[in-house]
N, C-alpha and C. Protein backbone atom coordinates (compact mmCIF):
# COMPACT_ATOMS: atom_id res chain seq x y z
N MET A 1 -17.93 8.59 -15.68
CA MET A 1 -17.20 8.39 -14.45
C MET A 1 -16.47 9.69 -14.10
N ALA A 2 -16.57 10.08 -12.85
CA ALA A 2 -15.98 11.34 -12.40
C ALA A 2 -14.47 11.26 -12.32
N ALA A 3 -13.84 12.40 -12.54
CA ALA A 3 -12.38 12.49 -12.43
C ALA A 3 -11.97 12.33 -10.97
N PRO A 4 -10.78 11.79 -10.72
CA PRO A 4 -10.31 11.68 -9.34
C PRO A 4 -9.97 13.06 -8.78
N SER A 5 -9.95 13.15 -7.47
CA SER A 5 -9.56 14.42 -6.84
C SER A 5 -8.04 14.48 -6.73
N ALA A 6 -7.53 15.67 -6.53
CA ALA A 6 -6.09 15.85 -6.33
C ALA A 6 -5.63 15.06 -5.11
N GLU A 7 -6.46 15.02 -4.08
CA GLU A 7 -6.10 14.29 -2.86
C GLU A 7 -6.01 12.79 -3.13
N GLU A 8 -6.89 12.24 -3.95
CA GLU A 8 -6.81 10.82 -4.31
C GLU A 8 -5.49 10.51 -5.01
N LEU A 9 -5.10 11.39 -5.92
CA LEU A 9 -3.83 11.18 -6.63
C LEU A 9 -2.65 11.26 -5.67
N ARG A 10 -2.68 12.25 -4.78
CA ARG A 10 -1.61 12.41 -3.79
C ARG A 10 -1.47 11.15 -2.94
N GLU A 11 -2.57 10.66 -2.42
CA GLU A 11 -2.54 9.48 -1.55
C GLU A 11 -2.00 8.26 -2.29
N ARG A 12 -2.46 8.07 -3.50
CA ARG A 12 -2.03 6.90 -4.27
C ARG A 12 -0.53 6.97 -4.57
N LEU A 13 -0.03 8.13 -4.96
CA LEU A 13 1.39 8.27 -5.26
C LEU A 13 2.25 8.13 -4.01
N GLU A 14 1.78 8.66 -2.90
CA GLU A 14 2.52 8.50 -1.64
C GLU A 14 2.58 7.02 -1.25
N ARG A 15 1.47 6.34 -1.38
CA ARG A 15 1.40 4.93 -0.98
C ARG A 15 2.18 4.02 -1.93
N ARG A 16 2.02 4.21 -3.22
CA ARG A 16 2.61 3.29 -4.19
C ARG A 16 4.05 3.59 -4.55
N LEU A 17 4.45 4.87 -4.53
CA LEU A 17 5.81 5.24 -4.92
C LEU A 17 6.64 5.71 -3.74
N GLY A 18 6.03 5.81 -2.59
CA GLY A 18 6.75 6.38 -1.47
C GLY A 18 7.11 7.83 -1.76
N ALA A 19 6.25 8.50 -2.53
CA ALA A 19 6.52 9.88 -2.92
C ALA A 19 6.62 10.74 -1.66
N GLU A 20 7.68 11.50 -1.59
CA GLU A 20 7.91 12.34 -0.43
C GLU A 20 7.27 13.71 -0.57
N LEU A 21 7.00 14.10 -1.78
CA LEU A 21 6.36 15.39 -2.03
C LEU A 21 5.59 15.29 -3.32
N VAL A 22 4.32 15.63 -3.27
CA VAL A 22 3.51 15.64 -4.47
C VAL A 22 2.70 16.93 -4.43
N VAL A 23 2.80 17.72 -5.46
CA VAL A 23 2.05 18.96 -5.55
C VAL A 23 1.18 18.87 -6.79
N GLU A 24 -0.11 19.07 -6.63
CA GLU A 24 -1.01 19.00 -7.76
C GLU A 24 -1.66 20.35 -7.98
N ALA A 25 -1.89 20.67 -9.19
CA ALA A 25 -2.66 21.86 -9.53
C ALA A 25 -3.63 21.44 -10.62
N ALA A 26 -4.91 21.59 -10.35
CA ALA A 26 -5.90 21.22 -11.36
C ALA A 26 -5.82 22.20 -12.52
N GLY A 27 -6.03 21.69 -13.69
CA GLY A 27 -5.99 22.52 -14.88
C GLY A 27 -7.33 23.16 -15.15
N ALA A 28 -7.59 23.43 -16.41
CA ALA A 28 -8.81 24.13 -16.81
C ALA A 28 -10.07 23.30 -16.54
N CYS A 29 -9.97 21.98 -16.62
CA CYS A 29 -11.13 21.14 -16.35
C CYS A 29 -10.84 20.22 -15.17
N PRO A 30 -11.86 19.67 -14.55
CA PRO A 30 -11.66 18.84 -13.36
C PRO A 30 -10.76 17.62 -13.57
N GLY A 31 -10.62 17.13 -14.78
CA GLY A 31 -9.81 15.96 -15.05
C GLY A 31 -8.40 16.27 -15.49
N SER A 32 -7.96 17.51 -15.33
CA SER A 32 -6.60 17.91 -15.73
C SER A 32 -5.75 18.15 -14.49
N PHE A 33 -4.53 17.60 -14.52
CA PHE A 33 -3.64 17.73 -13.37
C PHE A 33 -2.22 18.02 -13.80
N ARG A 34 -1.53 18.78 -12.97
CA ARG A 34 -0.10 19.03 -13.13
C ARG A 34 0.55 18.52 -11.84
N LEU A 35 1.47 17.56 -11.98
CA LEU A 35 2.07 16.94 -10.81
C LEU A 35 3.57 17.21 -10.74
N LEU A 36 4.04 17.43 -9.54
CA LEU A 36 5.47 17.42 -9.24
C LEU A 36 5.63 16.29 -8.24
N VAL A 37 6.33 15.24 -8.64
CA VAL A 37 6.50 14.07 -7.80
C VAL A 37 7.98 13.92 -7.47
N VAL A 38 8.28 13.93 -6.19
CA VAL A 38 9.65 13.75 -5.72
C VAL A 38 9.69 12.41 -5.00
N SER A 39 10.53 11.50 -5.49
CA SER A 39 10.58 10.16 -4.90
C SER A 39 11.96 9.56 -5.07
N ALA A 40 12.41 8.87 -4.05
CA ALA A 40 13.67 8.14 -4.13
C ALA A 40 13.57 7.00 -5.14
N SER A 41 12.36 6.59 -5.47
CA SER A 41 12.14 5.53 -6.46
C SER A 41 12.66 5.91 -7.84
N PHE A 42 12.88 7.20 -8.07
CA PHE A 42 13.33 7.67 -9.37
C PHE A 42 14.84 7.64 -9.54
N ARG A 43 15.57 7.37 -8.49
CA ARG A 43 17.03 7.35 -8.58
C ARG A 43 17.49 6.34 -9.62
N GLY A 44 18.39 6.77 -10.51
CA GLY A 44 18.95 5.89 -11.52
C GLY A 44 18.02 5.56 -12.67
N ARG A 45 16.86 6.21 -12.74
CA ARG A 45 15.89 5.93 -13.80
C ARG A 45 15.82 7.12 -14.77
N ARG A 46 15.61 6.79 -16.02
CA ARG A 46 15.44 7.82 -17.04
C ARG A 46 14.04 8.41 -16.95
N LEU A 47 13.87 9.55 -17.60
CA LEU A 47 12.59 10.27 -17.55
C LEU A 47 11.41 9.40 -17.93
N LEU A 48 11.51 8.67 -19.03
CA LEU A 48 10.41 7.83 -19.48
C LEU A 48 10.07 6.76 -18.44
N GLU A 49 11.08 6.18 -17.83
CA GLU A 49 10.85 5.17 -16.79
C GLU A 49 10.14 5.78 -15.59
N ARG A 50 10.53 6.99 -15.23
CA ARG A 50 9.89 7.69 -14.10
C ARG A 50 8.41 7.94 -14.39
N HIS A 51 8.13 8.40 -15.60
CA HIS A 51 6.74 8.67 -15.96
C HIS A 51 5.92 7.38 -16.00
N ARG A 52 6.52 6.31 -16.45
CA ARG A 52 5.82 5.02 -16.44
C ARG A 52 5.50 4.59 -15.01
N LEU A 53 6.44 4.81 -14.09
CA LEU A 53 6.19 4.48 -12.69
C LEU A 53 5.00 5.26 -12.15
N VAL A 54 4.94 6.55 -12.47
CA VAL A 54 3.81 7.37 -12.02
C VAL A 54 2.51 6.86 -12.63
N ASN A 55 2.53 6.60 -13.93
CA ASN A 55 1.32 6.10 -14.60
C ASN A 55 0.86 4.77 -14.00
N GLU A 56 1.79 3.87 -13.73
CA GLU A 56 1.45 2.58 -13.12
C GLU A 56 0.91 2.79 -11.71
N ALA A 57 1.50 3.70 -10.97
CA ALA A 57 1.04 3.97 -9.59
C ALA A 57 -0.37 4.53 -9.58
N LEU A 58 -0.70 5.32 -10.59
CA LEU A 58 -2.05 5.90 -10.65
C LEU A 58 -3.09 4.86 -11.04
N GLY A 59 -2.65 3.81 -11.73
CA GLY A 59 -3.53 2.69 -12.05
C GLY A 59 -4.82 3.10 -12.72
N GLU A 60 -5.93 2.63 -12.16
CA GLU A 60 -7.24 2.86 -12.77
C GLU A 60 -7.64 4.34 -12.78
N GLU A 61 -7.07 5.14 -11.87
CA GLU A 61 -7.37 6.57 -11.87
C GLU A 61 -6.91 7.22 -13.18
N LEU A 62 -5.87 6.67 -13.79
CA LEU A 62 -5.35 7.23 -15.04
C LEU A 62 -6.42 7.28 -16.12
N GLY A 63 -7.32 6.30 -16.14
CA GLY A 63 -8.40 6.27 -17.11
C GLY A 63 -9.45 7.34 -16.89
N ARG A 64 -9.45 7.94 -15.71
CA ARG A 64 -10.42 8.99 -15.39
C ARG A 64 -9.81 10.39 -15.49
N ILE A 65 -8.56 10.46 -15.94
CA ILE A 65 -7.86 11.74 -16.05
C ILE A 65 -7.87 12.19 -17.50
N HIS A 66 -8.25 13.43 -17.72
CA HIS A 66 -8.31 13.98 -19.07
C HIS A 66 -6.93 14.40 -19.56
N ALA A 67 -6.17 15.08 -18.73
CA ALA A 67 -4.83 15.55 -19.10
C ALA A 67 -3.92 15.47 -17.87
N LEU A 68 -2.68 15.02 -18.10
CA LEU A 68 -1.74 14.86 -16.99
C LEU A 68 -0.37 15.35 -17.42
N GLU A 69 0.12 16.34 -16.70
CA GLU A 69 1.48 16.83 -16.90
C GLU A 69 2.26 16.46 -15.65
N GLN A 70 3.44 15.89 -15.84
CA GLN A 70 4.20 15.47 -14.66
C GLN A 70 5.66 15.83 -14.74
N ARG A 71 6.19 16.24 -13.60
CA ARG A 71 7.63 16.43 -13.40
C ARG A 71 8.01 15.42 -12.34
N THR A 72 9.10 14.72 -12.57
CA THR A 72 9.54 13.69 -11.64
C THR A 72 10.98 13.95 -11.26
N LEU A 73 11.22 14.10 -9.97
CA LEU A 73 12.55 14.41 -9.46
C LEU A 73 12.93 13.48 -8.33
N THR A 74 14.23 13.25 -8.18
CA THR A 74 14.72 12.56 -6.99
C THR A 74 14.80 13.60 -5.87
N PRO A 75 14.90 13.17 -4.62
CA PRO A 75 15.05 14.15 -3.53
C PRO A 75 16.28 15.04 -3.72
N GLU A 76 17.34 14.49 -4.28
CA GLU A 76 18.56 15.27 -4.52
C GLU A 76 18.33 16.34 -5.58
N GLN A 77 17.61 16.00 -6.63
CA GLN A 77 17.30 16.97 -7.68
C GLN A 77 16.41 18.09 -7.12
N TRP A 78 15.45 17.71 -6.28
CA TRP A 78 14.57 18.70 -5.65
C TRP A 78 15.40 19.67 -4.80
N ARG A 79 16.29 19.13 -4.00
CA ARG A 79 17.12 19.95 -3.13
C ARG A 79 17.98 20.91 -3.95
N GLU A 80 18.55 20.40 -5.03
CA GLU A 80 19.41 21.22 -5.89
C GLU A 80 18.60 22.34 -6.57
N GLU A 81 17.41 22.01 -7.04
CA GLU A 81 16.56 22.99 -7.72
C GLU A 81 15.98 24.03 -6.79
N SER A 82 15.48 23.58 -5.67
CA SER A 82 14.74 24.46 -4.77
C SER A 82 15.59 25.08 -3.68
N GLY A 83 16.73 24.42 -3.38
CA GLY A 83 17.55 24.89 -2.27
C GLY A 83 16.97 24.53 -0.92
N ARG A 84 15.96 23.65 -0.90
CA ARG A 84 15.30 23.26 0.35
C ARG A 84 15.23 21.74 0.46
N ASP A 85 15.21 21.28 1.69
CA ASP A 85 14.97 19.87 1.95
C ASP A 85 13.45 19.65 1.88
N LEU A 86 13.05 18.41 1.70
CA LEU A 86 11.63 18.09 1.60
C LEU A 86 10.86 18.50 2.86
N GLN A 87 11.45 18.34 4.01
CA GLN A 87 10.79 18.66 5.25
C GLN A 87 10.45 20.16 5.32
N GLN A 88 11.26 20.99 4.69
CA GLN A 88 11.02 22.42 4.69
C GLN A 88 9.91 22.81 3.73
N SER A 89 9.57 21.90 2.81
CA SER A 89 8.59 22.20 1.77
C SER A 89 7.17 21.86 2.19
N ALA A 90 7.04 20.96 3.14
CA ALA A 90 5.72 20.47 3.52
C ALA A 90 4.89 21.51 4.22
């Protein structure tokens, strides 16, 4: 079974988590991804809970992914880190 595309992951995370910003970079092989997910859904949640939300949102695509690295931030954390609002990043 073929690995999902970066666009498939982006769409699923936007739809299921209301992710406001998702940046993917494929790794060395087609099934490797590095994600930065910014979502209000992460407010008040610990890191492990955030990663579980991402994994659940990816659903069946997760089984087609070889390697997944993820950073999960709230919009406020993104703004503090980057100095930019989400609208300026798109």
